[in-house]
């Protein structure tokens, strides 16, 4: 098979959550364990850091990987979903897995795949683990796909577990309340493995504390220990001082990730680095400073409050639930502009009304739908949006919607593109 044929097999023959939603989610670890067992259990052949949470886990994973790489570790990074290229999911020191490895893996494991009948995600997790083991990485940062307890990545025994925060998302799978969702995320807490929780939340803290006690796992809430000062947000950089116990431990830290949500993520990242240093990882302060200045360049991270063009200013963000888009609205409010234009598309298994209720009413909307089965039909999105006082026109594609927004916008206006990871994927 060629690379294109290999991807076609992965996308079309295997149940894929991003395409069809909950029916692709396997509610046990059997398939992943069976595949990895047949591969010689590669997940036990390298050190790992396991990162979950509702929002921020992607940015947090990329920042951790960038720091470890800068500190001299050969660093694997597994994330999902991808935006443009399947190989974005699997990287070593920022470089995507070669096409040849993807082709050979699927070819060599074809019989196993047909026998086990795994999902797309289960195959990609096994592929990542096999690649990291083959290339003998020093450590791999592994981002959870969905939930934690039953996620395919949850067969690793990491050096550190990290959970960023909890908000309502994937409620049809994970539960309708924050404690129910926290229970699923807490399933990644392992016996005697330290866990860093990014945000202490009154509705969920007892779930994490209880699970950590049950597993005899040391638990740290990052925002208990750390706080930020001297915050300076610029177009291309975010400057901060990080304090622990009222002492500046990382003064004048500069991030190339500029969204307001990174102010939460950086606490999780720094507390995780401190926990890793306690476990014997050698991570000089210079590595932290150097890595955070160039996360996007080092690891290829895209779609996080990312400027696409100027005059007019066009910014995209992959935030796709109420909490994520609340951060987006805050960033919009912090960005000087005359008139606001929003290119908006969503998928149908989200809290549509919850998101629409918090979006700005003084914007011109360009409603669209991403090109996948889970997409919310644009006419339906427009009709629901009108109920919340959001006015605009509908377009057949994301590209057409953005093109029209650019035609209508003045040079000092702001165009925001988002509502779904898959909307962003089509315009990056």
Protein backbone atom coordinates (compact mmCIF):
# COMPACT_ATOMS: atom_id res chain seq x y z
CA UNK A 1 0.00 0.00 0.00
CA UNK A 2 1.05 3.58 -0.59
CA UNK A 3 0.86 6.12 2.25
CA UNK A 4 -2.42 7.49 0.86
CA UNK A 5 -3.87 3.96 0.64
CA UNK A 6 -2.70 3.23 4.18
CA UNK A 7 -4.47 6.31 5.52
CA UNK A 8 -7.58 5.43 3.54
CA UNK A 9 -7.58 2.02 5.23
CA UNK A 10 -7.16 3.57 8.70
CA UNK A 11 -9.83 6.23 8.12
CA UNK A 12 -12.46 4.22 6.27
CA UNK A 13 -12.13 0.66 7.58
CA UNK A 14 -11.73 1.37 11.30
CA UNK A 15 -14.29 3.03 13.61
CA UNK A 16 -13.06 6.61 14.03
CA UNK A 17 -14.38 8.83 16.84
CA UNK A 18 -13.65 12.10 15.05
CA UNK A 19 -15.77 10.88 12.12
CA UNK A 20 -18.68 9.02 13.71
CA UNK A 21 -18.57 9.89 17.43
CA UNK A 22 -19.44 7.69 20.39
CA UNK A 23 -20.00 4.45 18.44
CA UNK A 24 -16.22 4.34 17.82
CA UNK A 25 -15.40 4.52 21.55
CA UNK A 26 -14.51 1.11 23.00
CA UNK A 27 -15.44 0.92 26.67
CA UNK A 28 -12.60 -1.35 27.74
CA UNK A 29 -8.86 -1.75 27.18
CA UNK A 30 -9.04 -5.26 25.69
CA UNK A 31 -8.17 -4.37 22.10
CA UNK A 32 -5.27 -2.09 23.02
CA UNK A 33 -3.85 -4.66 25.42
CA UNK A 34 -4.23 -7.42 22.81
CA UNK A 35 -2.50 -5.37 20.12
CA UNK A 36 0.34 -4.27 22.38
CA UNK A 37 0.79 -7.78 23.74
CA UNK A 38 1.21 -9.04 20.16
CA UNK A 39 3.78 -6.27 19.60
CA UNK A 40 5.81 -7.28 22.67
CA UNK A 41 4.31 -4.66 24.98
CA UNK A 42 6.24 -1.65 23.68
CA UNK A 43 4.51 0.63 26.23
CA UNK A 44 6.76 -0.85 28.94
CA UNK A 45 9.97 -0.12 27.02
CA UNK A 46 10.18 3.62 27.62
CA UNK A 47 9.45 6.10 30.41
CA UNK A 48 6.30 8.15 30.06
CA UNK A 49 4.24 11.06 31.35
CA UNK A 50 0.46 10.71 31.05
CA UNK A 51 -1.55 13.90 30.45
CA UNK A 52 -5.36 14.13 30.66
CA UNK A 53 -8.06 16.66 31.48
CA UNK A 54 -10.93 18.35 29.67
CA UNK A 55 -9.16 21.45 28.34
CA UNK A 56 -5.48 22.32 27.99
CA UNK A 57 -4.09 18.80 27.81
CA UNK A 58 -2.77 19.33 24.29
CA UNK A 59 -0.93 22.57 25.08
CA UNK A 60 0.33 21.09 28.35
CA UNK A 61 1.64 17.99 26.56
CA UNK A 62 3.44 20.08 23.95
CA UNK A 63 5.01 22.36 26.57
CA UNK A 64 6.22 19.40 28.64
CA UNK A 65 7.65 17.72 25.54
CA UNK A 66 9.42 20.92 24.48
CA UNK A 67 11.02 21.31 27.93
CA UNK A 68 12.16 17.68 28.12
CA UNK A 69 13.59 17.90 24.61
CA UNK A 70 15.42 21.13 25.46
CA UNK A 71 16.79 19.41 28.58
CA UNK A 72 18.44 16.82 26.34
CA UNK A 73 15.97 13.95 26.51
CA UNK A 74 14.99 12.12 23.33
CA UNK A 75 11.28 12.86 23.70
CA UNK A 76 8.28 11.14 22.16
CA UNK A 77 4.97 12.99 21.93
CA UNK A 78 1.61 11.38 21.25
CA UNK A 79 -1.41 13.70 20.83
CA UNK A 80 -4.79 13.74 19.11
CA UNK A 81 -6.57 14.65 16.96
CA UNK A 82 -4.34 15.86 14.14
CA UNK A 83 -5.14 19.01 12.18
CA UNK A 84 -3.61 18.46 8.73
CA UNK A 85 -1.39 15.38 8.70
CA UNK A 86 -2.03 12.08 10.48
CA UNK A 87 1.64 11.96 11.46
CA UNK A 88 1.22 15.00 13.74
CA UNK A 89 -0.06 12.53 16.32
CA UNK A 90 3.29 10.76 16.71
CA UNK A 91 6.52 12.76 17.04
CA UNK A 92 10.03 12.36 18.38
CA UNK A 93 11.90 15.57 19.19
CA UNK A 94 9.26 17.45 17.22
CA UNK A 95 9.68 15.40 14.03
CA UNK A 96 6.67 13.49 12.75
CA UNK A 97 6.78 9.71 12.40
CA UNK A 98 8.03 8.81 8.88
CA UNK A 99 5.43 7.79 6.29
CA UNK A 100 7.40 4.54 5.78
CA UNK A 101 6.85 3.52 9.41
CA UNK A 102 3.09 4.13 9.14
CA UNK A 103 2.90 2.08 5.93
CA UNK A 104 5.02 -0.78 7.30
CA UNK A 105 3.19 -0.90 10.63
CA UNK A 106 -0.24 -1.22 9.03
CA UNK A 107 1.06 -3.75 6.50
CA UNK A 108 2.81 -5.90 9.10
CA UNK A 109 -0.09 -5.74 11.56
CA UNK A 110 -2.84 -6.12 8.95
CA UNK A 111 -3.80 -9.62 10.02
CA UNK A 112 -3.75 -8.63 13.70
CA UNK A 113 -5.93 -5.60 12.94
CA UNK A 114 -8.44 -7.71 11.02
CA UNK A 115 -8.53 -10.29 13.83
CA UNK A 116 -8.92 -7.87 16.77
CA UNK A 117 -11.04 -5.29 14.89
CA UNK A 118 -9.74 -2.32 16.88
CA UNK A 119 -10.83 1.29 16.50
CA UNK A 120 -8.76 3.88 14.64
CA UNK A 121 -7.56 5.30 17.96
CA UNK A 122 -6.55 1.91 19.35
CA UNK A 123 -4.40 1.26 16.28
CA UNK A 124 -2.74 4.69 16.43
CA UNK A 125 -1.92 4.28 20.13
CA UNK A 126 -0.30 0.90 19.47
CA UNK A 127 1.55 2.41 16.50
CA UNK A 128 2.89 5.26 18.64
CA UNK A 129 4.06 2.93 21.40
CA UNK A 130 5.76 0.65 18.86
CA UNK A 131 7.54 3.62 17.25
CA UNK A 132 8.71 5.09 20.56
CA UNK A 133 10.04 1.68 21.66
CA UNK A 134 11.78 1.05 18.31
CA UNK A 135 13.45 4.47 18.39
CA UNK A 136 14.40 4.06 22.05
CA UNK A 137 13.08 7.39 23.31
CA UNK A 138 14.19 8.46 26.78
CA UNK A 139 10.66 9.53 27.68
CA UNK A 140 7.32 10.01 25.93
CA UNK A 141 4.57 12.49 26.76
CA UNK A 142 1.28 10.66 26.14
CA UNK A 143 -1.92 12.68 25.83
CA UNK A 144 -5.18 10.96 26.74
CA UNK A 145 -7.66 10.74 23.88
CA UNK A 146 -10.96 10.80 25.79
CA UNK A 147 -11.64 10.39 29.50
CA UNK A 148 -8.88 8.42 31.18
CA UNK A 149 -10.06 5.25 32.90
CA UNK A 150 -11.01 3.46 29.66
CA UNK A 151 -8.83 5.41 27.25
CA UNK A 152 -6.48 3.31 25.12
CA UNK A 153 -3.46 5.21 26.45
CA UNK A 154 -4.24 4.03 30.00
CA UNK A 155 -2.11 0.89 29.72
CA UNK A 156 1.12 2.77 30.46
CA UNK A 157 2.77 2.97 33.87
CA UNK A 158 4.03 6.56 33.78
CA UNK A 159 6.53 8.39 35.96
CA UNK A 160 3.90 11.11 36.42
CA UNK A 161 0.19 11.53 35.79
CA UNK A 162 -1.13 15.01 34.96
CA UNK A 163 -4.79 16.12 34.90
CA UNK A 164 -5.31 19.71 33.78
CA UNK A 165 -8.93 20.49 34.75
CA UNK A 166 -12.51 19.24 34.48
CA UNK A 167 -15.42 20.77 32.58
CA UNK A 168 -18.45 19.45 30.72
CA UNK A 169 -17.51 17.74 27.46
CA UNK A 170 -18.30 14.36 25.85
CA UNK A 171 -21.15 14.06 28.36
CA UNK A 172 -22.78 11.30 26.28
CA UNK A 173 -19.78 9.11 27.14
CA UNK A 174 -18.17 10.44 30.33
CA UNK A 175 -21.21 11.57 32.33
CA UNK A 176 -23.42 14.61 32.79
CA UNK A 177 -21.83 16.07 35.93
CA UNK A 178 -18.35 17.27 36.81
CA UNK A 179 -17.85 14.55 39.50
CA UNK A 180 -18.83 11.85 36.98
CA UNK A 181 -16.36 13.19 34.44
CA UNK A 182 -13.69 13.56 37.14
CA UNK A 183 -14.20 9.88 38.05
CA UNK A 184 -13.35 8.89 34.48
CA UNK A 185 -10.30 11.19 34.39
CA UNK A 186 -9.15 9.95 37.82
CA UNK A 187 -8.97 6.45 36.36
CA UNK A 188 -5.52 7.34 35.02
CA UNK A 189 -4.14 7.74 38.58
CA UNK A 190 -1.84 4.75 39.20
CA UNK A 191 -0.58 3.09 42.40
CA UNK A 192 2.21 5.14 44.00
CA UNK A 193 2.64 7.30 40.87
CA UNK A 194 2.49 11.04 41.70
CA UNK A 195 -0.31 13.02 40.09
CA UNK A 196 -0.44 16.76 39.39
CA UNK A 197 -3.94 18.28 39.15
CA UNK A 198 -3.87 21.63 37.37
CA UNK A 199 -6.89 23.25 39.00
CA UNK A 200 -8.51 22.60 42.36
CA UNK A 201 -12.26 22.69 41.73
CA UNK A 202 -14.75 22.33 44.59
CA UNK A 203 -16.99 19.94 42.60
CA UNK A 204 -14.17 17.53 41.71
CA UNK A 205 -11.37 17.74 44.30
CA UNK A 206 -12.86 15.00 46.50
CA UNK A 207 -12.90 12.58 43.55
CA UNK A 208 -9.19 13.09 42.87
CA UNK A 209 -8.18 13.08 46.54
CA UNK A 210 -10.16 9.88 47.14
CA UNK A 211 -8.67 8.08 44.13
CA UNK A 212 -5.14 9.20 45.00
CA UNK A 213 -5.58 7.94 48.57
CA UNK A 214 -6.95 4.63 47.28
CA UNK A 215 -3.89 4.22 45.02
CA UNK A 216 -1.42 5.61 47.60
CA UNK A 217 -0.44 8.17 44.96
CA UNK A 218 1.04 11.53 46.02
CA UNK A 219 -1.28 14.30 44.79
CA UNK A 220 -0.49 17.97 44.15
CA UNK A 221 -2.90 20.71 43.06
CA UNK A 222 -0.76 23.08 40.99
CA UNK A 223 -2.79 26.19 41.76
CA UNK A 224 -2.41 25.54 45.51
CA UNK A 225 1.37 25.75 45.23
CA UNK A 226 1.97 28.21 42.40
CA UNK A 227 0.74 31.62 41.35
CA UNK A 228 1.55 34.12 38.63
CA UNK A 229 2.47 37.79 38.73
CA UNK A 230 3.60 40.51 36.32
CA UNK A 231 1.49 39.11 33.49
CA UNK A 232 2.17 40.84 30.18
CA UNK A 233 0.22 39.72 27.13
CA UNK A 234 1.50 40.79 23.73
CA UNK A 235 0.52 39.72 20.23
CA UNK A 236 3.24 37.09 19.92
CA UNK A 237 4.37 36.50 23.50
CA UNK A 238 3.08 36.03 27.03
CA UNK A 239 5.36 37.21 29.84
CA UNK A 240 4.92 36.03 33.45
CA UNK A 241 6.64 35.49 36.80
CA UNK A 242 5.96 32.11 38.43
CA UNK A 243 5.92 32.07 42.23
CA UNK A 244 5.97 29.11 44.64
CA UNK A 245 5.37 29.82 48.32
CA UNK A 246 5.77 33.56 47.61
CA UNK A 247 9.19 33.06 46.05
CA UNK A 248 9.81 33.74 42.36
CA UNK A 249 11.07 30.45 40.95
CA UNK A 250 10.76 31.38 37.27
CA UNK A 251 10.86 35.19 36.95
CA UNK A 252 10.52 36.76 33.50
CA UNK A 253 9.27 33.58 31.86
CA UNK A 254 8.23 34.13 28.23
CA UNK A 255 5.79 31.89 26.33
CA UNK A 256 5.11 31.83 22.61
CA UNK A 257 1.61 30.51 23.41
CA UNK A 258 -0.37 33.66 24.11
CA UNK A 259 -3.99 32.72 24.88
CA UNK A 260 -5.30 33.52 28.37
CA UNK A 261 -5.90 29.79 28.97
CA UNK A 262 -2.12 29.29 28.94
CA UNK A 263 -2.01 31.11 32.28
CA UNK A 264 -3.71 28.04 33.76
CA UNK A 265 -1.72 25.53 31.72
CA UNK A 266 1.65 26.98 32.69
CA UNK A 267 0.95 26.32 36.39
CA UNK A 268 0.27 22.67 35.53
CA UNK A 269 3.43 22.47 33.41
CA UNK A 270 5.74 24.04 36.01
CA UNK A 271 4.38 21.91 38.87
CA UNK A 272 4.83 18.83 36.65
CA UNK A 273 8.45 19.80 35.93
CA UNK A 274 9.10 20.20 39.67
CA UNK A 275 7.58 16.75 40.28
CA UNK A 276 9.76 15.21 37.56
CA UNK A 277 12.88 16.83 39.04
CA UNK A 278 12.01 15.21 42.36
CA UNK A 279 11.95 11.86 40.53
CA UNK A 280 15.48 12.41 39.25
CA UNK A 281 14.90 14.10 35.90
CA UNK A 282 17.59 16.67 35.17
CA UNK A 283 15.81 19.76 33.86
CA UNK A 284 17.88 22.95 34.13
CA UNK A 285 16.05 26.26 34.43
CA UNK A 286 17.64 27.33 31.14
CA UNK A 287 15.82 24.45 29.39
CA UNK A 288 12.47 25.64 30.74
CA UNK A 289 13.08 29.22 29.60
CA UNK A 290 14.39 28.23 26.17
CA UNK A 291 11.64 25.67 25.49
CA UNK A 292 8.69 27.84 26.45
CA UNK A 293 9.87 30.64 24.15
CA UNK A 294 9.49 28.34 21.13
CA UNK A 295 6.99 25.55 21.82
CA UNK A 296 5.32 25.94 18.42
CA UNK A 297 8.61 25.68 16.56
CA UNK A 298 9.92 22.82 18.74
CA UNK A 299 6.87 20.56 18.74
CA UNK A 300 4.72 21.77 15.84
CA UNK A 301 1.77 22.85 18.00
CA UNK A 302 -0.90 24.71 16.03
CA UNK A 303 -4.41 26.07 16.52
CA UNK A 304 -4.06 27.60 19.99
CA UNK A 305 -5.05 31.28 19.70
CA UNK A 306 -3.03 31.27 16.51
CA UNK A 307 -2.69 34.33 14.29
CA UNK A 308 -3.21 33.32 10.65
CA UNK A 309 -2.92 36.75 8.99
CA UNK A 310 -3.08 40.49 9.66
CA UNK A 311 -4.99 43.47 8.18
CA UNK A 312 -7.55 42.22 9.01
CA UNK A 313 -6.35 40.19 11.96
CA UNK A 314 -7.44 36.53 11.57
CA UNK A 315 -7.09 34.29 14.64
CA UNK A 316 -8.16 30.68 15.14
CA UNK A 317 -8.50 28.47 18.20
CA UNK A 318 -9.46 24.83 18.66
CA UNK A 319 -11.56 25.46 21.80
CA UNK A 320 -14.76 23.47 21.29
CA UNK A 321 -16.71 23.31 24.56
CA UNK A 322 -18.25 25.91 26.84
CA UNK A 323 -15.19 26.29 29.07
CA UNK A 324 -12.79 26.42 26.12
CA UNK A 325 -14.85 29.00 24.25
CA UNK A 326 -15.25 31.09 27.41
CA UNK A 327 -11.46 31.48 27.29
CA UNK A 328 -11.71 32.36 23.59
CA UNK A 329 -14.25 35.12 24.36
CA UNK A 330 -11.89 36.49 27.01
CA UNK A 331 -9.06 36.53 24.46
CA UNK A 332 -11.30 38.29 21.93
CA UNK A 333 -12.17 40.94 24.53
CA UNK A 334 -8.45 41.44 25.22
CA UNK A 335 -7.63 41.90 21.52
CA UNK A 336 -8.10 45.47 20.21
CA UNK A 337 -10.40 45.60 17.17
CA UNK A 338 -13.15 47.65 15.55
CA UNK A 339 -15.76 45.10 14.49
CA UNK A 340 -15.80 41.38 15.24
CA UNK A 341 -16.45 38.70 12.62
CA UNK A 342 -16.83 35.05 13.72
CA UNK A 343 -16.54 32.05 11.39
CA UNK A 344 -18.31 29.35 13.39
CA UNK A 345 -18.87 25.64 12.90
CA UNK A 346 -19.53 22.86 15.42
CA UNK A 347 -20.04 19.13 15.77
CA UNK A 348 -23.40 17.85 16.91
CA UNK A 349 -22.43 15.95 20.08
CA UNK A 350 -21.44 19.12 21.97
CA UNK A 351 -23.37 21.42 24.32
CA UNK A 352 -24.44 23.66 21.43
CA UNK A 353 -26.77 25.91 23.40
CA UNK A 354 -24.25 26.28 26.24
CA UNK A 355 -21.64 27.53 23.77
CA UNK A 356 -23.97 29.80 21.80
CA UNK A 357 -25.18 31.44 25.02
CA UNK A 358 -21.72 32.85 25.81
CA UNK A 359 -20.68 34.02 22.34
CA UNK A 360 -20.65 37.78 21.59
CA UNK A 361 -23.93 39.16 20.22
CA UNK A 362 -22.26 42.21 18.65
CA UNK A 363 -20.40 40.14 16.04
CA UNK A 364 -21.22 39.27 12.43
CA UNK A 365 -21.41 35.50 12.07
CA UNK A 366 -20.44 33.30 9.13
CA UNK A 367 -21.96 29.92 9.93
CA UNK A 368 -20.45 26.82 8.30
CA UNK A 369 -19.90 23.12 8.91
CA UNK A 370 -16.65 21.13 8.85
CA UNK A 371 -16.43 18.28 6.37
CA UNK A 372 -17.16 15.25 8.55
CA UNK A 373 -20.16 13.11 9.53
CA UNK A 374 -20.32 14.48 13.09
CA UNK A 375 -20.67 18.06 11.85
CA UNK A 376 -23.72 20.01 12.96
CA UNK A 377 -25.68 20.89 9.83
CA UNK A 378 -25.08 24.57 9.12
CA UNK A 379 -28.79 25.42 8.78
CA UNK A 380 -29.41 23.92 12.21
CA UNK A 381 -26.47 25.81 13.73
CA UNK A 382 -27.74 29.08 12.25
CA UNK A 383 -31.29 28.46 13.52
CA UNK A 384 -30.07 27.72 17.05
CA UNK A 385 -27.73 30.72 16.98
CA UNK A 386 -30.58 33.07 16.08
CA UNK A 387 -32.37 32.02 19.27
CA UNK A 388 -29.40 33.50 21.17
CA UNK A 389 -29.34 36.72 19.16
CA UNK A 390 -26.38 35.71 17.00
CA UNK A 391 -26.91 36.98 13.45
CA UNK A 392 -25.17 36.08 10.22
CA UNK A 393 -25.25 34.09 7.00
CA UNK A 394 -24.68 30.41 6.23
CA UNK A 395 -21.99 29.04 3.92
CA UNK A 396 -21.38 25.64 2.35
CA UNK A 397 -17.81 25.29 3.59
CA UNK A 398 -15.38 26.68 6.16
CA UNK A 399 -13.20 28.10 3.36
CA UNK A 400 -16.14 29.94 1.79
CA UNK A 401 -17.19 31.34 5.16
CA UNK A 402 -13.68 32.64 5.87
CA UNK A 403 -13.38 34.08 2.36
CA UNK A 404 -16.59 36.06 2.85
CA UNK A 405 -15.51 37.25 6.29
CA UNK A 406 -12.29 38.60 4.79
CA UNK A 407 -14.28 40.40 2.08
CA UNK A 408 -16.51 42.09 4.65
CA UNK A 409 -13.89 42.93 7.27
CA UNK A 410 -12.11 46.25 7.55
CA UNK A 411 -8.35 46.35 8.11
CA UNK A 412 -8.78 47.02 11.85
CA UNK A 413 -11.46 44.36 12.36
CA UNK A 414 -10.93 40.95 13.99
CA UNK A 415 -11.94 37.66 12.37
CA UNK A 416 -12.12 34.69 14.72
CA UNK A 417 -12.37 31.16 13.31
CA UNK A 418 -13.40 28.27 15.55
CA UNK A 419 -16.11 26.34 17.37
CA UNK A 420 -14.51 23.00 16.53
CA UNK A 421 -11.06 21.52 16.09
CA UNK A 422 -12.20 20.40 12.64
CA UNK A 423 -13.13 23.93 11.56
CA UNK A 424 -9.62 25.04 12.44
CA UNK A 425 -8.10 22.02 10.65
CA UNK A 426 -9.67 23.12 7.37
CA UNK A 427 -8.16 26.61 7.35
CA UNK A 428 -4.67 26.11 8.81
